[in-house]
Amino acid sequence: MCTYTFTLDDKLVEKVRPAFADDKAIKNWLQSQIEVLFMQKAATFSPKTKSSLKLSERLRGIGHAPEGFDYKKELADRF
C-alpha cells in the first residue's frame, strides 16, 4: 500500500462532518473516493505523450471524463 498525505480545508470538513458517524467513516469514504478516481485515471491512462496521440485517441478520452470535466479547456491546453 502507498501512503500519501493531503490537506483539506477545516471549514469544508466541518460542513460535511454531520454526514458521517465518526472520523473513521470519513477516512473510509475518502479512501473509496480516491480509489475510484485512480481507477478512472488508470482506465484512460496512456503512456504516449499528448502530442503523439491521434485525434481519435484524444477524443476517446472524453467519454471517460469525470463529471464536471472541461474537455474543451483540456483539448485547448494540449496545443
PDB file of N, CA and C in Angstrom:
ATOM      1  N   MET A   1       0.832  -1.183   0.000  1.00  0.00           N
ATOM      2  CA  MET A   1       0.000   0.000   0.000  1.00  0.00           C
ATOM      3  C   MET A   1       0.873   1.243   0.000  1.00  0.00           C
ATOM      4  N   CYS A   2       0.450   2.254  -0.744  1.00  0.00           N
ATOM      5  CA  CYS A   2       1.115   3.555  -0.746  1.00  0.00           C
ATOM      6  C   CYS A   2       0.404   4.472   0.239  1.00  0.00           C
ATOM      7  N   THR A   3       1.157   5.394   0.795  1.00  0.00           N
ATOM      8  CA  THR A   3       0.582   6.365   1.718  1.00  0.00           C
ATOM      9  C   THR A   3       0.892   7.759   1.211  1.00  0.00           C
ATOM     10  N   TYR A   4      -0.133   8.578   1.119  1.00  0.00           N
ATOM     11  CA  TYR A   4       0.010   9.970   0.708  1.00  0.00           C
ATOM     12  C   TYR A   4      -0.617  10.853   1.776  1.00  0.00           C
ATOM     13  N   THR A   5      -0.087  12.036   1.920  1.00  0.00           N
ATOM     14  CA  THR A   5      -0.624  12.997   2.866  1.00  0.00           C
ATOM     15  C   THR A   5      -1.214  14.159   2.083  1.00  0.00           C
ATOM     16  N   PHE A   6      -2.406  14.582   2.447  1.00  0.00           N
ATOM     17  CA  PHE A   6      -3.007  15.742   1.804  1.00  0.00           C
ATOM     18  C   PHE A   6      -3.734  16.566   2.852  1.00  0.00           C
ATOM     19  N   THR A   7      -4.051  17.787   2.500  1.00  0.00           N
ATOM     20  CA  THR A   7      -4.658  18.729   3.432  1.00  0.00           C
ATOM     21  C   THR A   7      -6.021  19.149   2.922  1.00  0.00           C
ATOM     22  N   LEU A   8      -6.987  19.199   3.821  1.00  0.00           N
ATOM     23  CA  LEU A   8      -8.340  19.657   3.494  1.00  0.00           C
ATOM     24  C   LEU A   8      -8.663  20.890   4.327  1.00  0.00           C
ATOM     25  N   ASP A   9      -9.442  21.766   3.764  1.00  0.00           N
ATOM     26  CA  ASP A   9      -9.869  22.973   4.467  1.00  0.00           C
ATOM     27  C   ASP A   9     -10.759  22.572   5.647  1.00  0.00           C
ATOM     28  N   ASP A  10     -10.409  23.018   6.841  1.00  0.00           N
ATOM     29  CA  ASP A  10     -11.169  22.681   8.049  1.00  0.00           C
ATOM     30  C   ASP A  10     -12.643  23.069   7.932  1.00  0.00           C
ATOM     31  N   LYS A  11     -12.903  24.230   7.362  1.00  0.00           N
ATOM     32  CA  LYS A  11     -14.292  24.688   7.232  1.00  0.00           C
ATOM     33  C   LYS A  11     -15.101  23.755   6.345  1.00  0.00           C
ATOM     34  N   LEU A  12     -14.488  23.287   5.285  1.00  0.00           N
ATOM     35  CA  LEU A  12     -15.169  22.359   4.382  1.00  0.00           C
ATOM     36  C   LEU A  12     -15.448  21.030   5.069  1.00  0.00           C
ATOM     37  N   VAL A  13     -14.477  20.526   5.804  1.00  0.00           N
ATOM     38  CA  VAL A  13     -14.657  19.265   6.528  1.00  0.00           C
ATOM     39  C   VAL A  13     -15.773  19.403   7.553  1.00  0.00           C
ATOM     40  N   GLU A  14     -15.815  20.512   8.249  1.00  0.00           N
ATOM     41  CA  GLU A  14     -16.856  20.721   9.264  1.00  0.00           C
ATOM     42  C   GLU A  14     -18.253  20.768   8.645  1.00  0.00           C
ATOM     43  N   LYS A  15     -18.352  21.233   7.407  1.00  0.00           N
ATOM     44  CA  LYS A  15     -19.655  21.272   6.731  1.00  0.00           C
ATOM     45  C   LYS A  15     -20.187  19.870   6.458  1.00  0.00           C
ATOM     46  N   VAL A  16     -19.301  18.936   6.147  1.00  0.00           N
ATOM     47  CA  VAL A  16     -19.742  17.584   5.801  1.00  0.00           C
ATOM     48  C   VAL A  16     -19.679  16.607   6.971  1.00  0.00           C
ATOM     49  N   ARG A  17     -19.004  16.984   8.032  1.00  0.00           N
ATOM     50  CA  ARG A  17     -18.829  16.079   9.172  1.00  0.00           C
ATOM     51  C   ARG A  17     -20.153  15.470   9.669  1.00  0.00           C
ATOM     52  N   PRO A  18     -21.264  16.224   9.732  1.00  0.00           N
ATOM     53  CA  PRO A  18     -22.516  15.624  10.224  1.00  0.00           C
ATOM     54  C   PRO A  18     -23.030  14.457   9.357  1.00  0.00           C
ATOM     55  N   ALA A  19     -22.535  14.353   8.140  1.00  0.00           N
ATOM     56  CA  ALA A  19     -22.968  13.267   7.257  1.00  0.00           C
ATOM     57  C   ALA A  19     -22.288  11.931   7.595  1.00  0.00           C
ATOM     58  N   PHE A  20     -21.310  11.963   8.483  1.00  0.00           N
ATOM     59  CA  PHE A  20     -20.534  10.770   8.833  1.00  0.00           C
ATOM     60  C   PHE A  20     -20.651  10.473  10.320  1.00  0.00           C
ATOM     61  N   ALA A  21     -20.574   9.196  10.648  1.00  0.00           N
ATOM     62  CA  ALA A  21     -20.690   8.776  12.042  1.00  0.00           C
ATOM     63  C   ALA A  21     -19.488   9.221  12.875  1.00  0.00           C
ATOM     64  N   ASP A  22     -18.288   9.133  12.280  1.00  0.00           N
ATOM     65  CA  ASP A  22     -17.067   9.485  13.006  1.00  0.00           C
ATOM     66  C   ASP A  22     -15.930   9.685  12.013  1.00  0.00           C
ATOM     67  N   ASP A  23     -14.736   9.959  12.540  1.00  0.00           N
ATOM     68  CA  ASP A  23     -13.582  10.193  11.668  1.00  0.00           C
ATOM     69  C   ASP A  23     -13.214   8.954  10.848  1.00  0.00           C
ATOM     70  N   LYS A  24     -13.428   7.779  11.406  1.00  0.00           N
ATOM     71  CA  LYS A  24     -13.137   6.553  10.663  1.00  0.00           C
ATOM     72  C   LYS A  24     -14.041   6.451   9.439  1.00  0.00           C
ATOM     73  N   ALA A  25     -15.293   6.852   9.577  1.00  0.00           N
ATOM     74  CA  ALA A  25     -16.222   6.829   8.444  1.00  0.00           C
ATOM     75  C   ALA A  25     -15.771   7.806   7.365  1.00  0.00           C
ATOM     76  N   ILE A  26     -15.285   8.973   7.780  1.00  0.00           N
ATOM     77  CA  ILE A  26     -14.770   9.946   6.810  1.00  0.00           C
ATOM     78  C   ILE A  26     -13.560   9.356   6.083  1.00  0.00           C
ATOM     79  N   LYS A  27     -12.659   8.753   6.845  1.00  0.00           N
ATOM     80  CA  LYS A  27     -11.458   8.150   6.257  1.00  0.00           C
ATOM     81  C   LYS A  27     -11.829   7.070   5.247  1.00  0.00           C
ATOM     82  N   ASN A  28     -12.760   6.211   5.601  1.00  0.00           N
ATOM     83  CA  ASN A  28     -13.175   5.140   4.691  1.00  0.00           C
ATOM     84  C   ASN A  28     -13.813   5.696   3.424  1.00  0.00           C
ATOM     85  N   TRP A  29     -14.623   6.740   3.573  1.00  0.00           N
ATOM     86  CA  TRP A  29     -15.271   7.343   2.413  1.00  0.00           C
ATOM     87  C   TRP A  29     -14.231   7.989   1.504  1.00  0.00           C
ATOM     88  N   LEU A  30     -13.295   8.737   2.094  1.00  0.00           N
ATOM     89  CA  LEU A  30     -12.237   9.347   1.299  1.00  0.00           C
ATOM     90  C   LEU A  30     -11.428   8.289   0.556  1.00  0.00           C
ATOM     91  N   GLN A  31     -11.104   7.206   1.244  1.00  0.00           N
ATOM     92  CA  GLN A  31     -10.352   6.117   0.618  1.00  0.00           C
ATOM     93  C   GLN A  31     -11.093   5.577  -0.605  1.00  0.00           C
ATOM     94  N   SER A  32     -12.386   5.326  -0.454  1.00  0.00           N
ATOM     95  CA  SER A  32     -13.161   4.772  -1.569  1.00  0.00           C
ATOM     96  C   SER A  32     -13.241   5.748  -2.732  1.00  0.00           C
ATOM     97  N   GLN A  33     -13.389   7.051  -2.430  1.00  0.00           N
ATOM     98  CA  GLN A  33     -13.474   8.053  -3.494  1.00  0.00           C
ATOM     99  C   GLN A  33     -12.161   8.177  -4.254  1.00  0.00           C
ATOM    100  N   ILE A  34     -11.053   8.152  -3.542  1.00  0.00           N
ATOM    101  CA  ILE A  34      -9.744   8.262  -4.196  1.00  0.00           C
ATOM    102  C   ILE A  34      -9.465   7.019  -5.034  1.00  0.00           C
ATOM    103  N   GLU A  35      -9.865   5.852  -4.541  1.00  0.00           N
ATOM    104  CA  GLU A  35      -9.681   4.632  -5.331  1.00  0.00           C
ATOM    105  C   GLU A  35     -10.464   4.707  -6.630  1.00  0.00           C
ATOM    106  N   VAL A  36     -11.674   5.230  -6.593  1.00  0.00           N
ATOM    107  CA  VAL A  36     -12.479   5.388  -7.812  1.00  0.00           C
ATOM    108  C   VAL A  36     -11.769   6.325  -8.784  1.00  0.00           C
ATOM    109  N   LEU A  37     -11.261   7.444  -8.288  1.00  0.00           N
ATOM    110  CA  LEU A  37     -10.537   8.377  -9.148  1.00  0.00           C
ATOM    111  C   LEU A  37      -9.318   7.723  -9.790  1.00  0.00           C
ATOM    112  N   PHE A  38      -8.578   6.940  -9.008  1.00  0.00           N
ATOM    113  CA  PHE A  38      -7.407   6.256  -9.555  1.00  0.00           C
ATOM    114  C   PHE A  38      -7.811   5.205 -10.591  1.00  0.00           C
ATOM    115  N   MET A  39      -8.904   4.506 -10.360  1.00  0.00           N
ATOM    116  CA  MET A  39      -9.368   3.515 -11.338  1.00  0.00           C
ATOM    117  C   MET A  39      -9.777   4.206 -12.637  1.00  0.00           C
ATOM    118  N   GLN A  40     -10.450   5.359 -12.532  1.00  0.00           N
ATOM    119  CA  GLN A  40     -10.826   6.112 -13.732  1.00  0.00           C
ATOM    120  C   GLN A  40      -9.583   6.569 -14.481  1.00  0.00           C
ATOM    121  N   LYS A  41      -8.609   7.063 -13.758  1.00  0.00           N
ATOM    122  CA  LYS A  41      -7.367   7.507 -14.390  1.00  0.00           C
ATOM    123  C   LYS A  41      -6.638   6.345 -15.043  1.00  0.00           C
ATOM    124  N   ALA A  42      -6.565   5.219 -14.356  1.00  0.00           N
ATOM    125  CA  ALA A  42      -5.877   4.042 -14.894  1.00  0.00           C
ATOM    126  C   ALA A  42      -6.565   3.530 -16.155  1.00  0.00           C
ATOM    127  N   ALA A  43      -7.895   3.627 -16.198  1.00  0.00           N
ATOM    128  CA  ALA A  43      -8.644   3.137 -17.357  1.00  0.00           C
ATOM    129  C   ALA A  43      -8.395   3.985 -18.593  1.00  0.00           C
ATOM    130  N   THR A  44      -8.068   5.247 -18.398  1.00  0.00           N
ATOM    131  CA  THR A  44      -7.874   6.138 -19.550  1.00  0.00           C
ATOM    132  C   THR A  44      -6.417   6.520 -19.749  1.00  0.00           C
ATOM    133  N   PHE A  45      -5.539   6.032 -18.881  1.00  0.00           N
ATOM    134  CA  PHE A  45      -4.130   6.379 -18.963  1.00  0.00           C
ATOM    135  C   PHE A  45      -3.469   5.745 -20.171  1.00  0.00           C
ATOM    136  N   SER A  46      -2.652   6.532 -20.817  1.00  0.00           N
ATOM    137  CA  SER A  46      -1.863   6.033 -21.935  1.00  0.00           C
ATOM    138  C   SER A  46      -0.445   6.557 -21.765  1.00  0.00           C
ATOM    139  N   PRO A  47       0.547   5.692 -21.894  1.00  0.00           N
ATOM    140  CA  PRO A  47       1.925   6.148 -21.723  1.00  0.00           C
ATOM    141  C   PRO A  47       2.407   7.046 -22.864  1.00  0.00           C
ATOM    142  N   LYS A  48       1.605   7.186 -23.924  1.00  0.00           N
ATOM    143  CA  LYS A  48       2.002   8.044 -25.036  1.00  0.00           C
ATOM    144  C   LYS A  48       2.003   9.500 -24.590  1.00  0.00           C
ATOM    145  N   THR A  49       2.796  10.298 -25.227  1.00  0.00           N
ATOM    146  CA  THR A  49       2.793  11.729 -24.931  1.00  0.00           C
ATOM    147  C   THR A  49       1.584  12.365 -25.606  1.00  0.00           C
ATOM    148  N   LYS A  50       1.173  13.503 -25.116  1.00  0.00           N
ATOM    149  CA  LYS A  50      -0.001  14.186 -25.657  1.00  0.00           C
ATOM    150  C   LYS A  50       0.139  14.445 -27.150  1.00  0.00           C
ATOM    151  N   SER A  51       1.294  14.883 -27.566  1.00  0.00           N
ATOM    152  CA  SER A  51       1.472  15.253 -28.964  1.00  0.00           C
ATOM    153  C   SER A  51       1.479  14.047 -29.895  1.00  0.00           C
ATOM    154  N   SER A  52       1.743  12.846 -29.374  1.00  0.00           N
ATOM    155  CA  SER A  52       1.804  11.676 -30.239  1.00  0.00           C
ATOM    156  C   SER A  52       0.455  10.983 -30.383  1.00  0.00           C
ATOM    157  N   LEU A  53      -0.552  11.433 -29.650  1.00  0.00           N
ATOM    158  CA  LEU A  53      -1.870  10.815 -29.753  1.00  0.00           C
ATOM    159  C   LEU A  53      -2.591  11.300 -31.006  1.00  0.00           C
ATOM    160  N   LYS A  54      -3.265  10.365 -31.684  1.00  0.00           N
ATOM    161  CA  LYS A  54      -4.090  10.732 -32.820  1.00  0.00           C
ATOM    162  C   LYS A  54      -5.340  11.420 -32.297  1.00  0.00           C
ATOM    163  N   LEU A  55      -5.992  12.200 -33.144  1.00  0.00           N
ATOM    164  CA  LEU A  55      -7.201  12.908 -32.735  1.00  0.00           C
ATOM    165  C   LEU A  55      -8.242  11.927 -32.204  1.00  0.00           C
ATOM    166  N   SER A  56      -8.433  10.799 -32.870  1.00  0.00           N
ATOM    167  CA  SER A  56      -9.433   9.834 -32.420  1.00  0.00           C
ATOM    168  C   SER A  56      -9.100   9.298 -31.026  1.00  0.00           C
ATOM    169  N   GLU A  57      -7.810   9.132 -30.727  1.00  0.00           N
ATOM    170  CA  GLU A  57      -7.404   8.655 -29.405  1.00  0.00           C
ATOM    171  C   GLU A  57      -7.657   9.722 -28.344  1.00  0.00           C
ATOM    172  N   ARG A  58      -7.417  10.986 -28.691  1.00  0.00           N
ATOM    173  CA  ARG A  58      -7.665  12.065 -27.734  1.00  0.00           C
ATOM    174  C   ARG A  58      -9.154  12.208 -27.471  1.00  0.00           C
ATOM    175  N   LEU A  59      -9.968  12.085 -28.491  1.00  0.00           N
ATOM    176  CA  LEU A  59     -11.411  12.243 -28.331  1.00  0.00           C
ATOM    177  C   LEU A  59     -12.027  11.078 -27.565  1.00  0.00           C
ATOM    178  N   ARG A  60     -11.451   9.896 -27.684  1.00  0.00           N
ATOM    179  CA  ARG A  60     -11.955   8.738 -26.957  1.00  0.00           C
ATOM    180  C   ARG A  60     -11.961   8.974 -25.451  1.00  0.00           C
ATOM    181  N   GLY A  61     -10.996   9.715 -24.949  1.00  0.00           N
ATOM    182  CA  GLY A  61     -10.899  10.001 -23.526  1.00  0.00           C
ATOM    183  C   GLY A  61     -12.036  10.863 -23.002  1.00  0.00           C
ATOM    184  N   ILE A  62     -12.708  11.611 -23.862  1.00  0.00           N
ATOM    185  CA  ILE A  62     -13.804  12.470 -23.428  1.00  0.00           C
ATOM    186  C   ILE A  62     -14.939  11.641 -22.842  1.00  0.00           C
ATOM    187  N   GLY A  63     -15.211  10.480 -23.406  1.00  0.00           N
ATOM    188  CA  GLY A  63     -16.291   9.624 -22.914  1.00  0.00           C
ATOM    189  C   GLY A  63     -16.056   9.119 -21.509  1.00  0.00           C
ATOM    190  N   HIS A  64     -14.828   9.170 -21.040  1.00  0.00           N
ATOM    191  CA  HIS A  64     -14.481   8.683 -19.709  1.00  0.00           C
ATOM    192  C   HIS A  64     -14.153   9.806 -18.735  1.00  0.00           C
ATOM    193  N   ALA A  65     -14.414  11.029 -19.150  1.00  0.00           N
ATOM    194  CA  ALA A  65     -14.072  12.173 -18.295  1.00  0.00           C
ATOM    195  C   ALA A  65     -14.994  12.227 -17.085  1.00  0.00           C
ATOM    196  N   PRO A  66     -14.463  12.605 -15.943  1.00  0.00           N
ATOM    197  CA  PRO A  66     -15.295  12.714 -14.746  1.00  0.00           C
ATOM    198  C   PRO A  66     -16.316  13.833 -14.877  1.00  0.00           C
ATOM    199  N   GLU A  67     -17.371  13.755 -14.116  1.00  0.00           N
ATOM    200  CA  GLU A  67     -18.422  14.763 -14.143  1.00  0.00           C
ATOM    201  C   GLU A  67     -17.821  16.135 -13.854  1.00  0.00           C
ATOM    202  N   GLY A  68     -18.205  17.117 -14.658  1.00  0.00           N
ATOM    203  CA  GLY A  68     -17.714  18.468 -14.479  1.00  0.00           C
ATOM    204  C   GLY A  68     -16.387  18.745 -15.174  1.00  0.00           C
ATOM    205  N   PHE A  69     -15.826  17.747 -15.838  1.00  0.00           N
ATOM    206  CA  PHE A  69     -14.551  17.904 -16.528  1.00  0.00           C
ATOM    207  C   PHE A  69     -14.743  18.809 -17.741  1.00  0.00           C
ATOM    208  N   ASP A  70     -13.903  19.830 -17.893  1.00  0.00           N
ATOM    209  CA  ASP A  70     -13.997  20.770 -19.003  1.00  0.00           C
ATOM    210  C   ASP A  70     -13.131  20.262 -20.148  1.00  0.00           C
ATOM    211  N   TYR A  71     -13.722  19.439 -21.019  1.00  0.00           N
ATOM    212  CA  TYR A  71     -12.945  18.821 -22.086  1.00  0.00           C
ATOM    213  C   TYR A  71     -12.475  19.834 -23.118  1.00  0.00           C
ATOM    214  N   LYS A  72     -13.243  20.906 -23.334  1.00  0.00           N
ATOM    215  CA  LYS A  72     -12.816  21.924 -24.294  1.00  0.00           C
ATOM    216  C   LYS A  72     -11.537  22.598 -23.809  1.00  0.00           C
ATOM    217  N   LYS A  73     -11.486  22.918 -22.517  1.00  0.00           N
ATOM    218  CA  LYS A  73     -10.279  23.529 -21.951  1.00  0.00           C
ATOM    219  C   LYS A  73      -9.118  22.554 -22.010  1.00  0.00           C
ATOM    220  N   GLU A  74      -9.378  21.284 -21.689  1.00  0.00           N
ATOM    221  CA  GLU A  74      -8.324  20.276 -21.711  1.00  0.00           C
ATOM    222  C   GLU A  74      -7.727  20.155 -23.121  1.00  0.00           C
ATOM    223  N   LEU A  75      -8.581  20.092 -24.142  1.00  0.00           N
ATOM    224  CA  LEU A  75      -8.075  19.978 -25.500  1.00  0.00           C
ATOM    225  C   LEU A  75      -7.325  21.243 -25.915  1.00  0.00           C
ATOM    226  N   ALA A  76      -7.832  22.411 -25.504  1.00  0.00           N
ATOM    227  CA  ALA A  76      -7.153  23.669 -25.837  1.00  0.00           C
ATOM    228  C   ALA A  76      -5.779  23.721 -25.187  1.00  0.00           C
ATOM    229  N   ASP A  77      -5.653  23.202 -23.983  1.00  0.00           N
ATOM    230  CA  ASP A  77      -4.382  23.217 -23.265  1.00  0.00           C
ATOM    231  C   ASP A  77      -3.350  22.274 -23.889  1.00  0.00           C
ATOM    232  N   ARG A  78      -3.818  21.334 -24.682  1.00  0.00           N
ATOM    233  CA  ARG A  78      -2.904  20.358 -25.297  1.00  0.00           C
ATOM    234  C   ARG A  78      -2.139  20.963 -26.465  1.00  0.00           C
ATOM    235  N   PHE A  79      -2.635  22.042 -27.018  1.00  0.00           N
ATOM    236  CA  PHE A  79      -1.994  22.629 -28.216  1.00  0.00           C
ATOM    237  C   PHE A  79      -1.338  23.939 -27.914  1.00  0.00           C
TER     238      PHE A  79
END
